[in-house]
Amino acid sequence: MDKTKALKVGDHIIFVDEKRVAHDALVETWWLGATYVDGKAIANDSIEKFEREFGEGKRPAVNLVFISDDPDHRDQYGGQKVHKGSVIHGDVQTPPRLGNYWLFASEL
């Protein structure tokens, strides 16, 4: 994983739901915290900067969206969008992971 890569809205991640089913998802918001310089908040924009502030191996929470594969959640346009908020990274959960977390695709 390139920790210097900028984290952007629209980034592809994997969301693992409460049934431990993995879904391709898109980031709506990164909860990155902030670094303060001269009293002004400067948003962290990479894992590297996030780790400097919050500790090695830490990952931000996200708001995300994915397309439901549940047949009961389909309409004439296809699968319905599902939004999840403040989703934590899978490393925050103690194994076995119970679901409702995100991962980078390279971590799956």
PDB file of N, CA and C in Angstrom:
ATOM      1  N   MET A   1       0.842  -1.173   0.000  1.00  0.00           N
ATOM      2  CA  MET A   1       0.000   0.000   0.000  1.00  0.00           C
ATOM      3  C   MET A   1       0.890   1.240   0.000  1.00  0.00           C
ATOM      4  N   ASP A   2       0.569   2.171  -0.868  1.00  0.00           N
ATOM      5  CA  ASP A   2       1.287   3.438  -0.941  1.00  0.00           C
ATOM      6  C   ASP A   2       0.677   4.396   0.076  1.00  0.00           C
ATOM      7  N   LYS A   3       1.351   4.581   1.195  1.00  0.00           N
ATOM      8  CA  LYS A   3       0.812   5.420   2.267  1.00  0.00           C
ATOM      9  C   LYS A   3       0.866   6.907   1.945  1.00  0.00           C
ATOM     10  N   THR A   4       1.580   7.281   0.884  1.00  0.00           N
ATOM     11  CA  THR A   4       1.665   8.687   0.515  1.00  0.00           C
ATOM     12  C   THR A   4       0.575   9.083  -0.478  1.00  0.00           C
ATOM     13  N   LYS A   5      -0.147   8.104  -1.023  1.00  0.00           N
ATOM     14  CA  LYS A   5      -1.210   8.377  -1.994  1.00  0.00           C
ATOM     15  C   LYS A   5      -2.310   9.198  -1.324  1.00  0.00           C
ATOM     16  N   ALA A   6      -2.746  10.237  -2.001  1.00  0.00           N
ATOM     17  CA  ALA A   6      -3.820  11.075  -1.473  1.00  0.00           C
ATOM     18  C   ALA A   6      -5.109  10.268  -1.370  1.00  0.00           C
ATOM     19  N   LEU A   7      -5.814  10.424  -0.266  1.00  0.00           N
ATOM     20  CA  LEU A   7      -7.106   9.776  -0.064  1.00  0.00           C
ATOM     21  C   LEU A   7      -8.172  10.725  -0.594  1.00  0.00           C
ATOM     22  N   LYS A   8      -8.990  10.225  -1.531  1.00  0.00           N
ATOM     23  CA  LYS A   8      -9.950  11.097  -2.187  1.00  0.00           C
ATOM     24  C   LYS A   8     -11.360  10.525  -2.093  1.00  0.00           C
ATOM     25  N   VAL A   9     -12.341  11.423  -2.135  1.00  0.00           N
ATOM     26  CA  VAL A   9     -13.721  11.004  -2.299  1.00  0.00           C
ATOM     27  C   VAL A   9     -13.792  10.263  -3.629  1.00  0.00           C
ATOM     28  N   GLY A  10     -14.506   9.137  -3.641  1.00  0.00           N
ATOM     29  CA  GLY A  10     -14.613   8.322  -4.849  1.00  0.00           C
ATOM     30  C   GLY A  10     -13.618   7.187  -4.905  1.00  0.00           C
ATOM     31  N   ASP A  11     -12.684   7.112  -3.945  1.00  0.00           N
ATOM     32  CA  ASP A  11     -11.733   5.996  -3.920  1.00  0.00           C
ATOM     33  C   ASP A  11     -12.472   4.671  -3.771  1.00  0.00           C
ATOM     34  N   HIS A  12     -11.951   3.635  -4.436  1.00  0.00           N
ATOM     35  CA  HIS A  12     -12.507   2.283  -4.330  1.00  0.00           C
ATOM     36  C   HIS A  12     -11.978   1.620  -3.063  1.00  0.00           C
ATOM     37  N   ILE A  13     -12.880   1.076  -2.264  1.00  0.00           N
ATOM     38  CA  ILE A  13     -12.531   0.284  -1.090  1.00  0.00           C
ATOM     39  C   ILE A  13     -13.465  -0.926  -1.045  1.00  0.00           C
ATOM     40  N   ILE A  14     -13.241  -1.801  -0.085  1.00  0.00           N
ATOM     41  CA  ILE A  14     -14.102  -2.963   0.140  1.00  0.00           C
ATOM     42  C   ILE A  14     -14.843  -2.759   1.454  1.00  0.00           C
ATOM     43  N   PHE A  15     -16.165  -2.932   1.423  1.00  0.00           N
ATOM     44  CA  PHE A  15     -16.980  -2.886   2.633  1.00  0.00           C
ATOM     45  C   PHE A  15     -17.418  -4.311   2.948  1.00  0.00           C
ATOM     46  N   VAL A  16     -17.195  -4.749   4.179  1.00  0.00           N
ATOM     47  CA  VAL A  16     -17.630  -6.075   4.630  1.00  0.00           C
ATOM     48  C   VAL A  16     -18.816  -5.855   5.557  1.00  0.00           C
ATOM     49  N   ASP A  17     -19.977  -6.390   5.152  1.00  0.00           N
ATOM     50  CA  ASP A  17     -21.206  -6.139   5.904  1.00  0.00           C
ATOM     51  C   ASP A  17     -21.330  -7.049   7.119  1.00  0.00           C
ATOM     52  N   GLU A  18     -22.463  -6.914   7.823  1.00  0.00           N
ATOM     53  CA  GLU A  18     -22.680  -7.669   9.069  1.00  0.00           C
ATOM     54  C   GLU A  18     -22.772  -9.181   8.850  1.00  0.00           C
ATOM     55  N   LYS A  19     -22.979  -9.605   7.587  1.00  0.00           N
ATOM     56  CA  LYS A  19     -22.988 -11.042   7.263  1.00  0.00           C
ATOM     57  C   LYS A  19     -21.635 -11.503   6.748  1.00  0.00           C
ATOM     58  N   ARG A  20     -20.646 -10.619   6.835  1.00  0.00           N
ATOM     59  CA  ARG A  20     -19.275 -10.857   6.385  1.00  0.00           C
ATOM     60  C   ARG A  20     -19.180 -11.039   4.867  1.00  0.00           C
ATOM     61  N   VAL A  21     -20.085 -10.387   4.144  1.00  0.00           N
ATOM     62  CA  VAL A  21     -20.060 -10.389   2.686  1.00  0.00           C
ATOM     63  C   VAL A  21     -19.332  -9.130   2.229  1.00  0.00           C
ATOM     64  N   ALA A  22     -18.359  -9.304   1.353  1.00  0.00           N
ATOM     65  CA  ALA A  22     -17.577  -8.168   0.851  1.00  0.00           C
ATOM     66  C   ALA A  22     -18.282  -7.516  -0.337  1.00  0.00           C
ATOM     67  N   HIS A  23     -18.279  -6.186  -0.354  1.00  0.00           N
ATOM     68  CA  HIS A  23     -18.889  -5.401  -1.428  1.00  0.00           C
ATOM     69  C   HIS A  23     -17.879  -4.369  -1.921  1.00  0.00           C
ATOM     70  N   ASP A  24     -17.812  -4.166  -3.229  1.00  0.00           N
ATOM     71  CA  ASP A  24     -17.059  -3.033  -3.755  1.00  0.00           C
ATOM     72  C   ASP A  24     -17.802  -1.773  -3.343  1.00  0.00           C
ATOM     73  N   ALA A  25     -17.073  -0.784  -2.866  1.00  0.00           N
ATOM     74  CA  ALA A  25     -17.701   0.446  -2.376  1.00  0.00           C
ATOM     75  C   ALA A  25     -16.882   1.653  -2.814  1.00  0.00           C
ATOM     76  N   LEU A  26     -17.525   2.810  -2.744  1.00  0.00           N
ATOM     77  CA  LEU A  26     -16.868   4.082  -3.028  1.00  0.00           C
ATOM     78  C   LEU A  26     -16.922   4.960  -1.787  1.00  0.00           C
ATOM     79  N   VAL A  27     -15.832   5.669  -1.548  1.00  0.00           N
ATOM     80  CA  VAL A  27     -15.749   6.559  -0.385  1.00  0.00           C
ATOM     81  C   VAL A  27     -16.524   7.837  -0.668  1.00  0.00           C
ATOM     82  N   GLU A  28     -17.403   8.194   0.271  1.00  0.00           N
ATOM     83  CA  GLU A  28     -18.114   9.477   0.219  1.00  0.00           C
ATOM     84  C   GLU A  28     -17.371  10.527   1.046  1.00  0.00           C
ATOM     85  N   THR A  29     -16.806  10.116   2.181  1.00  0.00           N
ATOM     86  CA  THR A  29     -16.059  11.011   3.069  1.00  0.00           C
ATOM     87  C   THR A  29     -15.013  10.210   3.820  1.00  0.00           C
ATOM     88  N   TRP A  30     -13.803  10.740   3.911  1.00  0.00           N
ATOM     89  CA  TRP A  30     -12.771  10.189   4.795  1.00  0.00           C
ATOM     90  C   TRP A  30     -12.826  10.978   6.098  1.00  0.00           C
ATOM     91  N   TRP A  31     -12.864  10.293   7.245  1.00  0.00           N
ATOM     92  CA  TRP A  31     -12.793  10.973   8.544  1.00  0.00           C
ATOM     93  C   TRP A  31     -11.325  10.975   8.953  1.00  0.00           C
ATOM     94  N   LEU A  32     -10.612  12.016   8.500  1.00  0.00           N
ATOM     95  CA  LEU A  32      -9.159  12.020   8.610  1.00  0.00           C
ATOM     96  C   LEU A  32      -8.601  12.765   9.805  1.00  0.00           C
ATOM     97  N   GLY A  33      -9.423  13.464  10.534  1.00  0.00           N
ATOM     98  CA  GLY A  33      -8.856  14.296  11.590  1.00  0.00           C
ATOM     99  C   GLY A  33      -8.183  15.488  10.940  1.00  0.00           C
ATOM    100  N   ALA A  34      -7.389  16.210  11.680  1.00  0.00           N
ATOM    101  CA  ALA A  34      -6.735  17.390  11.106  1.00  0.00           C
ATOM    102  C   ALA A  34      -5.452  17.698  11.857  1.00  0.00           C
ATOM    103  N   THR A  35      -4.542  18.314  11.149  1.00  0.00           N
ATOM    104  CA  THR A  35      -3.324  18.849  11.744  1.00  0.00           C
ATOM    105  C   THR A  35      -3.511  20.354  11.830  1.00  0.00           C
ATOM    106  N   TYR A  36      -3.075  20.965  12.914  1.00  0.00           N
ATOM    107  CA  TYR A  36      -3.250  22.401  13.102  1.00  0.00           C
ATOM    108  C   TYR A  36      -1.912  23.113  12.926  1.00  0.00           C
ATOM    109  N   VAL A  37      -1.907  24.136  12.082  1.00  0.00           N
ATOM    110  CA  VAL A  37      -0.741  24.979  11.861  1.00  0.00           C
ATOM    111  C   VAL A  37      -1.199  26.418  12.040  1.00  0.00           C
ATOM    112  N   ASP A  38      -0.560  27.128  12.967  1.00  0.00           N
ATOM    113  CA  ASP A  38      -0.937  28.515  13.255  1.00  0.00           C
ATOM    114  C   ASP A  38      -2.429  28.656  13.528  1.00  0.00           C
ATOM    115  N   GLY A  39      -3.002  27.692  14.226  1.00  0.00           N
ATOM    116  CA  GLY A  39      -4.397  27.758  14.610  1.00  0.00           C
ATOM    117  C   GLY A  39      -5.383  27.392  13.519  1.00  0.00           C
ATOM    118  N   LYS A  40      -4.899  27.028  12.332  1.00  0.00           N
ATOM    119  CA  LYS A  40      -5.792  26.647  11.238  1.00  0.00           C
ATOM    120  C   LYS A  40      -5.699  25.136  11.014  1.00  0.00           C
ATOM    121  N   ALA A  41      -6.860  24.527  10.825  1.00  0.00           N
ATOM    122  CA  ALA A  41      -6.894  23.087  10.573  1.00  0.00           C
ATOM    123  C   ALA A  41      -6.504  22.815   9.122  1.00  0.00           C
ATOM    124  N   ILE A  42      -5.538  21.925   8.953  1.00  0.00           N
ATOM    125  CA  ILE A  42      -5.136  21.481   7.623  1.00  0.00           C
ATOM    126  C   ILE A  42      -5.447  19.992   7.565  1.00  0.00           C
ATOM    127  N   ALA A  43      -6.369  19.609   6.712  1.00  0.00           N
ATOM    128  CA  ALA A  43      -6.822  18.211   6.665  1.00  0.00           C
ATOM    129  C   ALA A  43      -5.680  17.280   6.295  1.00  0.00           C
ATOM    130  N   ASN A  44      -5.629  16.144   6.949  1.00  0.00           N
ATOM    131  CA  ASN A  44      -4.715  15.085   6.550  1.00  0.00           C
ATOM    132  C   ASN A  44      -5.198  14.536   5.222  1.00  0.00           C
ATOM    133  N   ASP A  45      -4.293  14.267   4.309  1.00  0.00           N
ATOM    134  CA  ASP A  45      -4.729  13.805   3.006  1.00  0.00           C
ATOM    135  C   ASP A  45      -4.085  12.491   2.579  1.00  0.00           C
ATOM    136  N   SER A  46      -3.456  11.798   3.503  1.00  0.00           N
ATOM    137  CA  SER A  46      -2.855  10.504   3.173  1.00  0.00           C
ATOM    138  C   SER A  46      -2.780   9.654   4.444  1.00  0.00           C
ATOM    139  N   ILE A  47      -2.644   8.355   4.247  1.00  0.00           N
ATOM    140  CA  ILE A  47      -2.466   7.443   5.385  1.00  0.00           C
ATOM    141  C   ILE A  47      -1.210   7.825   6.154  1.00  0.00           C
ATOM    142  N   GLU A  48      -0.159   8.184   5.441  1.00  0.00           N
ATOM    143  CA  GLU A  48       1.093   8.577   6.079  1.00  0.00           C
ATOM    144  C   GLU A  48       0.869   9.734   7.062  1.00  0.00           C
ATOM    145  N   LYS A  49       0.156  10.767   6.625  1.00  0.00           N
ATOM    146  CA  LYS A  49      -0.118  11.905   7.511  1.00  0.00           C
ATOM    147  C   LYS A  49      -1.056  11.495   8.642  1.00  0.00           C
ATOM    148  N   PHE A  50      -2.034  10.661   8.341  1.00  0.00           N
ATOM    149  CA  PHE A  50      -2.966  10.193   9.377  1.00  0.00           C
ATOM    150  C   PHE A  50      -2.208   9.427  10.466  1.00  0.00           C
ATOM    151  N   GLU A  51      -1.289   8.539  10.054  1.00  0.00           N
ATOM    152  CA  GLU A  51      -0.506   7.768  11.028  1.00  0.00           C
ATOM    153  C   GLU A  51       0.391   8.659  11.872  1.00  0.00           C
ATOM    154  N   ARG A  52       0.943   9.705  11.276  1.00  0.00           N
ATOM    155  CA  ARG A  52       1.782  10.621  12.061  1.00  0.00           C
ATOM    156  C   ARG A  52       0.991  11.253  13.194  1.00  0.00           C
ATOM    157  N   GLU A  53      -0.288  11.541  12.931  1.00  0.00           N
ATOM    158  CA  GLU A  53      -1.108  12.178  13.960  1.00  0.00           C
ATOM    159  C   GLU A  53      -1.695  11.181  14.950  1.00  0.00           C
ATOM    160  N   PHE A  54      -2.138  10.025  14.460  1.00  0.00           N
ATOM    161  CA  PHE A  54      -2.904   9.100  15.307  1.00  0.00           C
ATOM    162  C   PHE A  54      -2.186   7.808  15.660  1.00  0.00           C
ATOM    163  N   GLY A  55      -1.034   7.524  15.043  1.00  0.00           N
ATOM    164  CA  GLY A  55      -0.269   6.341  15.394  1.00  0.00           C
ATOM    165  C   GLY A  55      -0.114   5.372  14.238  1.00  0.00           C
ATOM    166  N   GLU A  56       1.016   4.695  14.235  1.00  0.00           N
ATOM    167  CA  GLU A  56       1.335   3.718  13.188  1.00  0.00           C
ATOM    168  C   GLU A  56       0.250   2.659  13.083  1.00  0.00           C
ATOM    169  N   GLY A  57      -0.155   2.360  11.862  1.00  0.00           N
ATOM    170  CA  GLY A  57      -1.153   1.317  11.619  1.00  0.00           C
ATOM    171  C   GLY A  57      -2.593   1.769  11.775  1.00  0.00           C
ATOM    172  N   LYS A  58      -2.817   3.013  12.206  1.00  0.00           N
ATOM    173  CA  LYS A  58      -4.190   3.520  12.364  1.00  0.00           C
ATOM    174  C   LYS A  58      -4.769   3.859  10.996  1.00  0.00           C
ATOM    175  N   ARG A  59      -6.077   3.701  10.861  1.00  0.00           N
ATOM    176  CA  ARG A  59      -6.766   4.002   9.612  1.00  0.00           C
ATOM    177  C   ARG A  59      -7.999   4.844   9.910  1.00  0.00           C
ATOM    178  N   PRO A  60      -8.335   5.771   9.007  1.00  0.00           N
ATOM    179  CA  PRO A  60      -9.507   6.624   9.235  1.00  0.00           C
ATOM    180  C   PRO A  60     -10.810   5.865   9.032  1.00  0.00           C
ATOM    181  N   ALA A  61     -11.866   6.379   9.624  1.00  0.00           N
ATOM    182  CA  ALA A  61     -13.209   5.884   9.335  1.00  0.00           C
ATOM    183  C   ALA A  61     -13.685   6.544   8.040  1.00  0.00           C
ATOM    184  N   VAL A  62     -14.724   5.964   7.430  1.00  0.00           N
ATOM    185  CA  VAL A  62     -15.248   6.501   6.178  1.00  0.00           C
ATOM    186  C   VAL A  62     -16.768   6.479   6.171  1.00  0.00           C
ATOM    187  N   ASN A  63     -17.343   7.325   5.333  1.00  0.00           N
ATOM    188  CA  ASN A  63     -18.724   7.168   4.882  1.00  0.00           C
ATOM    189  C   ASN A  63     -18.594   6.567   3.490  1.00  0.00           C
ATOM    190  N   LEU A  64     -19.450   5.601   3.162  1.00  0.00           N
ATOM    191  CA  LEU A  64     -19.304   4.909   1.886  1.00  0.00           C
ATOM    192  C   LEU A  64     -20.659   4.597   1.282  1.00  0.00           C
ATOM    193  N   VAL A  65     -20.633   4.198   0.018  1.00  0.00           N
ATOM    194  CA  VAL A  65     -21.836   3.775  -0.694  1.00  0.00           C
ATOM    195  C   VAL A  65     -21.484   2.534  -1.513  1.00  0.00           C
ATOM    196  N   PHE A  66     -22.436   1.591  -1.566  1.00  0.00           N
ATOM    197  CA  PHE A  66     -22.268   0.417  -2.427  1.00  0.00           C
ATOM    198  C   PHE A  66     -23.625   0.040  -2.991  1.00  0.00           C
ATOM    199  N   ILE A  67     -23.624  -0.826  -3.991  1.00  0.00           N
ATOM    200  CA  ILE A  67     -24.857  -1.282  -4.621  1.00  0.00           C
ATOM    201  C   ILE A  67     -25.274  -2.600  -3.969  1.00  0.00           C
ATOM    202  N   SER A  68     -26.497  -2.653  -3.480  1.00  0.00           N
ATOM    203  CA  SER A  68     -27.005  -3.845  -2.816  1.00  0.00           C
ATOM    204  C   SER A  68     -27.124  -5.006  -3.805  1.00  0.00           C
ATOM    205  N   ASP A  69     -26.708  -6.182  -3.368  1.00  0.00           N
ATOM    206  CA  ASP A  69     -26.916  -7.377  -4.194  1.00  0.00           C
ATOM    207  C   ASP A  69     -28.096  -8.206  -3.675  1.00  0.00           C
ATOM    208  N   ASP A  70     -28.835  -7.646  -2.720  1.00  0.00           N
ATOM    209  CA  ASP A  70     -30.027  -8.294  -2.177  1.00  0.00           C
ATOM    210  C   ASP A  70     -31.150  -8.208  -3.215  1.00  0.00           C
ATOM    211  N   PRO A  71     -31.711  -9.364  -3.641  1.00  0.00           N
ATOM    212  CA  PRO A  71     -32.770  -9.335  -4.648  1.00  0.00           C
ATOM    213  C   PRO A  71     -34.000  -8.535  -4.203  1.00  0.00           C
ATOM    214  N   ASP A  72     -34.211  -8.390  -2.899  1.00  0.00           N
ATOM    215  CA  ASP A  72     -35.341  -7.607  -2.404  1.00  0.00           C
ATOM    216  C   ASP A  72     -35.091  -6.098  -2.484  1.00  0.00           C
ATOM    217  N   HIS A  73     -33.865  -5.716  -2.805  1.00  0.00           N
ATOM    218  CA  HIS A  73     -33.510  -4.296  -2.909  1.00  0.00           C
ATOM    219  C   HIS A  73     -33.129  -3.944  -4.342  1.00  0.00           C
ATOM    220  N   ARG A  74     -33.962  -4.363  -5.269  1.00  0.00           N
ATOM    221  CA  ARG A  74     -33.763  -4.053  -6.683  1.00  0.00           C
ATOM    222  C   ARG A  74     -35.016  -3.370  -7.212  1.00  0.00           C
ATOM    223  N   ASP A  75     -34.810  -2.514  -8.194  1.00  0.00           N
ATOM    224  CA  ASP A  75     -35.936  -1.877  -8.873  1.00  0.00           C
ATOM    225  C   ASP A  75     -35.607  -1.823 -10.364  1.00  0.00           C
ATOM    226  N   GLN A  76     -36.378  -1.062 -11.127  1.00  0.00           N
ATOM    227  CA  GLN A  76     -36.181  -1.028 -12.573  1.00  0.00           C
ATOM    228  C   GLN A  76     -34.818  -0.451 -12.962  1.00  0.00           C
ATOM    229  N   TYR A  77     -34.138   0.207 -12.038  1.00  0.00           N
ATOM    230  CA  TYR A  77     -32.828   0.795 -12.311  1.00  0.00           C
ATOM    231  C   TYR A  77     -31.678  -0.127 -11.896  1.00  0.00           C
ATOM    232  N   GLY A  78     -31.987  -1.236 -11.246  1.00  0.00           N
ATOM    233  CA  GLY A  78     -30.954  -2.160 -10.776  1.00  0.00           C
ATOM    234  C   GLY A  78     -30.918  -2.211  -9.265  1.00  0.00           C
ATOM    235  N   GLY A  79     -29.754  -2.555  -8.730  1.00  0.00           N
ATOM    236  CA  GLY A  79     -29.591  -2.629  -7.283  1.00  0.00           C
ATOM    237  C   GLY A  79     -29.655  -1.257  -6.649  1.00  0.00           C
ATOM    238  N   GLN A  80     -30.260  -1.177  -5.485  1.00  0.00           N
ATOM    239  CA  GLN A  80     -30.366   0.094  -4.773  1.00  0.00           C
ATOM    240  C   GLN A  80     -29.042   0.457  -4.113  1.00  0.00           C
ATOM    241  N   LYS A  81     -28.784   1.760  -3.985  1.00  0.00           N
ATOM    242  CA  LYS A  81     -27.589   2.236  -3.304  1.00  0.00           C
ATOM    243  C   LYS A  81     -27.789   2.092  -1.801  1.00  0.00           C
ATOM    244  N   VAL A  82     -26.734   1.675  -1.133  1.00  0.00           N
ATOM    245  CA  VAL A  82     -26.739   1.572   0.326  1.00  0.00           C
ATOM    246  C   VAL A  82     -25.636   2.488   0.844  1.00  0.00           C
ATOM    247  N   HIS A  83     -25.983   3.378   1.754  1.00  0.00           N
ATOM    248  CA  HIS A  83     -25.016   4.292   2.368  1.00  0.00           C
ATOM    249  C   HIS A  83     -24.723   3.813   3.783  1.00  0.00           C
ATOM    250  N   LYS A  84     -23.462   3.829   4.160  1.00  0.00           N
ATOM    251  CA  LYS A  84     -23.038   3.508   5.527  1.00  0.00           C
ATOM    252  C   LYS A  84     -22.149   4.640   6.015  1.00  0.00           C
ATOM    253  N   GLY A  85     -22.322   5.028   7.270  1.00  0.00           N
ATOM    254  CA  GLY A  85     -21.560   6.138   7.818  1.00  0.00           C
ATOM    255  C   GLY A  85     -20.650   5.732   8.955  1.00  0.00           C
ATOM    256  N   SER A  86     -19.538   6.440   9.067  1.00  0.00           N
ATOM    257  CA  SER A  86     -18.552   6.241  10.143  1.00  0.00           C
ATOM    258  C   SER A  86     -18.128   4.778  10.257  1.00  0.00           C
ATOM    259  N   VAL A  87     -17.804   4.192   9.128  1.00  0.00           N
ATOM    260  CA  VAL A  87     -17.383   2.785   9.083  1.00  0.00           C
ATOM    261  C   VAL A  87     -15.900   2.710   9.428  1.00  0.00           C
ATOM    262  N   ILE A  88     -15.572   1.872  10.385  1.00  0.00           N
ATOM    263  CA  ILE A  88     -14.184   1.735  10.837  1.00  0.00           C
ATOM    264  C   ILE A  88     -13.410   0.767   9.949  1.00  0.00           C
ATOM    265  N   HIS A  89     -12.092   0.879  10.004  1.00  0.00           N
ATOM    266  CA  HIS A  89     -11.225  -0.046   9.284  1.00  0.00           C
ATOM    267  C   HIS A  89     -11.251  -1.403   9.984  1.00  0.00           C
ATOM    268  N   GLY A  90     -11.090  -2.460   9.215  1.00  0.00           N
ATOM    269  CA  GLY A  90     -11.141  -3.816   9.765  1.00  0.00           C
ATOM    270  C   GLY A  90     -10.124  -4.086  10.854  1.00  0.00           C
ATOM    271  N   ASP A  91      -8.974  -3.406  10.826  1.00  0.00           N
ATOM    272  CA  ASP A  91      -7.954  -3.632  11.853  1.00  0.00           C
ATOM    273  C   ASP A  91      -8.376  -3.144  13.228  1.00  0.00           C
ATOM    274  N   VAL A  92      -9.415  -2.309  13.294  1.00  0.00           N
ATOM    275  CA  VAL A  92      -9.886  -1.815  14.589  1.00  0.00           C
ATOM    276  C   VAL A  92     -10.607  -2.922  15.349  1.00  0.00           C
ATOM    277  N   GLN A  93     -11.205  -3.865  14.615  1.00  0.00           N
ATOM    278  CA  GLN A  93     -11.926  -4.970  15.264  1.00  0.00           C
ATOM    279  C   GLN A  93     -10.960  -6.074  15.672  1.00  0.00           C
ATOM    280  N   THR A  94     -11.209  -6.657  16.835  1.00  0.00           N
ATOM    281  CA  THR A  94     -10.413  -7.782  17.294  1.00  0.00           C
ATOM    282  C   THR A  94     -10.873  -9.034  16.553  1.00  0.00           C
ATOM    283  N   PRO A  95      -9.941  -9.822  16.005  1.00  0.00           N
ATOM    284  CA  PRO A  95     -10.363 -11.045  15.297  1.00  0.00           C
ATOM    285  C   PRO A  95     -11.160 -11.961  16.209  1.00  0.00           C
ATOM    286  N   PRO A  96     -12.147 -12.687  15.709  1.00  0.00           N
ATOM    287  CA  PRO A  96     -12.548 -12.631  14.309  1.00  0.00           C
ATOM    288  C   PRO A  96     -13.367 -11.378  14.037  1.00  0.00           C
ATOM    289  N   ARG A  97     -13.104 -10.776  12.897  1.00  0.00           N
ATOM    290  CA  ARG A  97     -13.847  -9.575  12.508  1.00  0.00           C
ATOM    291  C   ARG A  97     -15.315  -9.935  12.306  1.00  0.00           C
ATOM    292  N   LEU A  98     -16.209  -9.108  12.853  1.00  0.00           N
ATOM    293  CA  LEU A  98     -17.640  -9.429  12.833  1.00  0.00           C
ATOM    294  C   LEU A  98     -18.406  -8.748  11.713  1.00  0.00           C
ATOM    295  N   GLY A  99     -17.773  -7.884  10.954  1.00  0.00           N
ATOM    296  CA  GLY A  99     -18.454  -7.199   9.867  1.00  0.00           C
ATOM    297  C   GLY A  99     -18.633  -5.727  10.159  1.00  0.00           C
ATOM    298  N   ASN A 100     -19.179  -5.028   9.162  1.00  0.00           N
ATOM    299  CA  ASN A 100     -19.350  -3.577   9.209  1.00  0.00           C
ATOM    300  C   ASN A 100     -18.010  -2.867   9.355  1.00  0.00           C
ATOM    301  N   TYR A 101     -17.088  -3.168   8.438  1.00  0.00           N
ATOM    302  CA  TYR A 101     -15.785  -2.514   8.392  1.00  0.00           C
ATOM    303  C   TYR A 101     -15.356  -2.369   6.935  1.00  0.00           C
ATOM    304  N   TRP A 102     -14.327  -1.558   6.716  1.00  0.00           N
ATOM    305  CA  TRP A 102     -13.792  -1.382   5.373  1.00  0.00           C
ATOM    306  C   TRP A 102     -12.349  -1.821   5.317  1.00  0.00           C
ATOM    307  N   LEU A 103     -11.886  -2.119   4.099  1.00  0.00           N
ATOM    308  CA  LEU A 103     -10.500  -2.464   3.810  1.00  0.00           C
ATOM    309  C   LEU A 103     -10.105  -1.873   2.461  1.00  0.00           C
ATOM    310  N   PHE A 104      -8.817  -1.635   2.254  1.00  0.00           N
ATOM    311  CA  PHE A 104      -8.349  -1.393   0.900  1.00  0.00           C
ATOM    312  C   PHE A 104      -8.429  -2.716   0.151  1.00  0.00           C
ATOM    313  N   ALA A 105      -8.643  -2.683  -1.143  1.00  0.00           N
ATOM    314  CA  ALA A 105      -8.761  -3.916  -1.922  1.00  0.00           C
ATOM    315  C   ALA A 105      -7.520  -4.790  -1.749  1.00  0.00           C
ATOM    316  N   SER A 106      -6.361  -4.183  -1.610  1.00  0.00           N
ATOM    317  CA  SER A 106      -5.110  -4.942  -1.436  1.00  0.00           C
ATOM    318  C   SER A 106      -5.043  -5.666  -0.096  1.00  0.00           C
ATOM    319  N   GLU A 107      -5.921  -5.328   0.842  1.00  0.00           N
ATOM    320  CA  GLU A 107      -5.918  -5.954   2.174  1.00  0.00           C
ATOM    321  C   GLU A 107      -6.884  -7.125   2.277  1.00  0.00           C
ATOM    322  N   LEU A 108      -7.688  -7.347   1.245  1.00  0.00           N
ATOM    323  CA  LEU A 108      -8.702  -8.404   1.304  1.00  0.00           C
ATOM    324  C   LEU A 108      -8.084  -9.775   1.203  1.00  0.00           C
TER     325      LEU A 108
END
